[in-house]
Amino acid sequence: MNENAPIMVAIIGAVFLGYMVISCAREDVKQRPEIAKYEAGVAHEYISKGYHRNSWGGWVKDKRVEWVKDK
């Protein structure tokens, strides 16, 4: 067995991993407009129902909006 085999395997693995990361990033960039349109539609739907985003990114019913509407 060649003494450089582990080094060669590590280099080949690093190149493969880098290729996979780059190809996945390219695919994400291609899908970004569709994802943005979907998220904008969801956000508009929730906001129209009186929700707002909390600090963790979830949707919370905004009690102040209901109070102002009832008044």
C-alpha atoms as a PDB file:
ATOM      1  CA  MET A   1       0.000   0.000   0.000  1.00  0.00           C
ATOM      2  CA  ASN A   2       1.246   3.414  -0.895  1.00  0.00           C
ATOM      3  CA  GLU A   3       2.150   5.620   2.084  1.00  0.00           C
ATOM      4  CA  ASN A   4       0.572   8.632   0.375  1.00  0.00           C
ATOM      5  CA  ALA A   5      -2.829   6.941   0.012  1.00  0.00           C
ATOM      6  CA  PRO A   6      -4.493   8.676   3.021  1.00  0.00           C
ATOM      7  CA  ILE A   7      -3.368  12.068   1.740  1.00  0.00           C
ATOM      8  CA  MET A   8      -4.698  11.312  -1.742  1.00  0.00           C
ATOM      9  CA  VAL A   9      -8.022  10.149  -0.317  1.00  0.00           C
ATOM     10  CA  ALA A  10      -8.280  13.333   1.769  1.00  0.00           C
ATOM     11  CA  ILE A  11      -7.565  15.528  -1.264  1.00  0.00           C
ATOM     12  CA  ILE A  12     -10.103  13.702  -3.432  1.00  0.00           C
ATOM     13  CA  GLY A  13     -12.695  13.949  -0.637  1.00  0.00           C
ATOM     14  CA  ALA A  14     -12.080  17.673  -0.208  1.00  0.00           C
ATOM     15  CA  VAL A  15     -12.448  18.301  -3.942  1.00  0.00           C
ATOM     16  CA  PHE A  16     -15.687  16.288  -4.062  1.00  0.00           C
ATOM     17  CA  LEU A  17     -17.090  18.098  -1.017  1.00  0.00           C
ATOM     18  CA  GLY A  18     -16.210  21.483  -2.529  1.00  0.00           C
ATOM     19  CA  TYR A  19     -17.910  20.528  -5.785  1.00  0.00           C
ATOM     20  CA  MET A  20     -21.063  19.471  -3.930  1.00  0.00           C
ATOM     21  CA  VAL A  21     -21.186  22.709  -1.919  1.00  0.00           C
ATOM     22  CA  ILE A  22     -20.766  24.859  -5.030  1.00  0.00           C
ATOM     23  CA  SER A  23     -23.386  22.930  -7.016  1.00  0.00           C
ATOM     24  CA  CYS A  24     -25.906  23.164  -4.167  1.00  0.00           C
ATOM     25  CA  ALA A  25     -25.264  26.903  -3.828  1.00  0.00           C
ATOM     26  CA  ARG A  26     -25.869  27.392  -7.553  1.00  0.00           C
ATOM     27  CA  GLU A  27     -29.152  25.491  -7.349  1.00  0.00           C
ATOM     28  CA  ASP A  28     -30.234  27.641  -4.386  1.00  0.00           C
ATOM     29  CA  VAL A  29     -29.516  30.829  -6.337  1.00  0.00           C
ATOM     30  CA  LYS A  30     -31.595  29.529  -9.255  1.00  0.00           C
ATOM     31  CA  GLN A  31     -34.576  28.820  -6.968  1.00  0.00           C
ATOM     32  CA  ARG A  32     -34.353  32.043  -4.972  1.00  0.00           C
ATOM     33  CA  PRO A  33     -36.892  34.095  -7.048  1.00  0.00           C
ATOM     34  CA  GLU A  34     -39.571  31.410  -6.710  1.00  0.00           C
ATOM     35  CA  ILE A  35     -38.914  31.059  -2.980  1.00  0.00           C
ATOM     36  CA  ALA A  36     -39.095  34.843  -2.532  1.00  0.00           C
ATOM     37  CA  LYS A  37     -42.432  35.003  -4.362  1.00  0.00           C
ATOM     38  CA  TYR A  38     -43.843  32.215  -2.196  1.00  0.00           C
ATOM     39  CA  GLU A  39     -42.601  33.804   1.042  1.00  0.00           C
ATOM     40  CA  ALA A  40     -43.990  37.196   0.016  1.00  0.00           C
ATOM     41  CA  GLY A  41     -47.389  35.618  -0.623  1.00  0.00           C
ATOM     42  CA  VAL A  42     -47.359  33.847   2.741  1.00  0.00           C
ATOM     43  CA  ALA A  43     -46.262  37.031   4.511  1.00  0.00           C
ATOM     44  CA  HIS A  44     -49.022  39.051   2.856  1.00  0.00           C
ATOM     45  CA  GLU A  45     -51.598  36.434   3.878  1.00  0.00           C
ATOM     46  CA  TYR A  46     -50.493  36.410   7.520  1.00  0.00           C
ATOM     47  CA  ILE A  47     -50.140  40.203   7.774  1.00  0.00           C
ATOM     48  CA  SER A  48     -53.622  40.691   6.338  1.00  0.00           C
ATOM     49  CA  LYS A  49     -54.954  38.431   9.117  1.00  0.00           C
ATOM     50  CA  GLY A  50     -53.272  40.570  11.793  1.00  0.00           C
ATOM     51  CA  TYR A  51     -50.100  38.583  12.482  1.00  0.00           C
ATOM     52  CA  HIS A  52     -46.546  39.872  12.823  1.00  0.00           C
ATOM     53  CA  ARG A  53     -43.103  38.243  12.920  1.00  0.00           C
ATOM     54  CA  ASN A  54     -41.546  37.658  16.326  1.00  0.00           C
ATOM     55  CA  SER A  55     -37.813  37.725  17.027  1.00  0.00           C
ATOM     56  CA  TRP A  56     -37.486  33.990  16.268  1.00  0.00           C
ATOM     57  CA  GLY A  57     -39.078  34.306  12.828  1.00  0.00           C
ATOM     58  CA  GLY A  58     -42.450  32.843  13.772  1.00  0.00           C
ATOM     59  CA  TRP A  59     -45.875  34.372  13.223  1.00  0.00           C
ATOM     60  CA  VAL A  60     -47.703  35.783  16.253  1.00  0.00           C
ATOM     61  CA  LYS A  61     -51.187  37.266  16.431  1.00  0.00           C
ATOM     62  CA  ASP A  62     -50.830  40.963  17.096  1.00  0.00           C
ATOM     63  CA  LYS A  63     -53.229  41.893  19.887  1.00  0.00           C
ATOM     64  CA  ARG A  64     -52.683  45.618  19.369  1.00  0.00           C
ATOM     65  CA  VAL A  65     -54.067  45.409  15.825  1.00  0.00           C
ATOM     66  CA  GLU A  66     -57.227  43.692  17.105  1.00  0.00           C
ATOM     67  CA  TRP A  67     -57.638  46.314  19.846  1.00  0.00           C
ATOM     68  CA  VAL A  68     -57.342  49.166  17.347  1.00  0.00           C
ATOM     69  CA  LYS A  69     -59.805  47.453  14.989  1.00  0.00           C
ATOM     70  CA  ASP A  70     -62.347  46.924  17.798  1.00  0.00           C
ATOM     71  CA  LYS A  71     -62.139  50.561  18.845  1.00  0.00           C
END
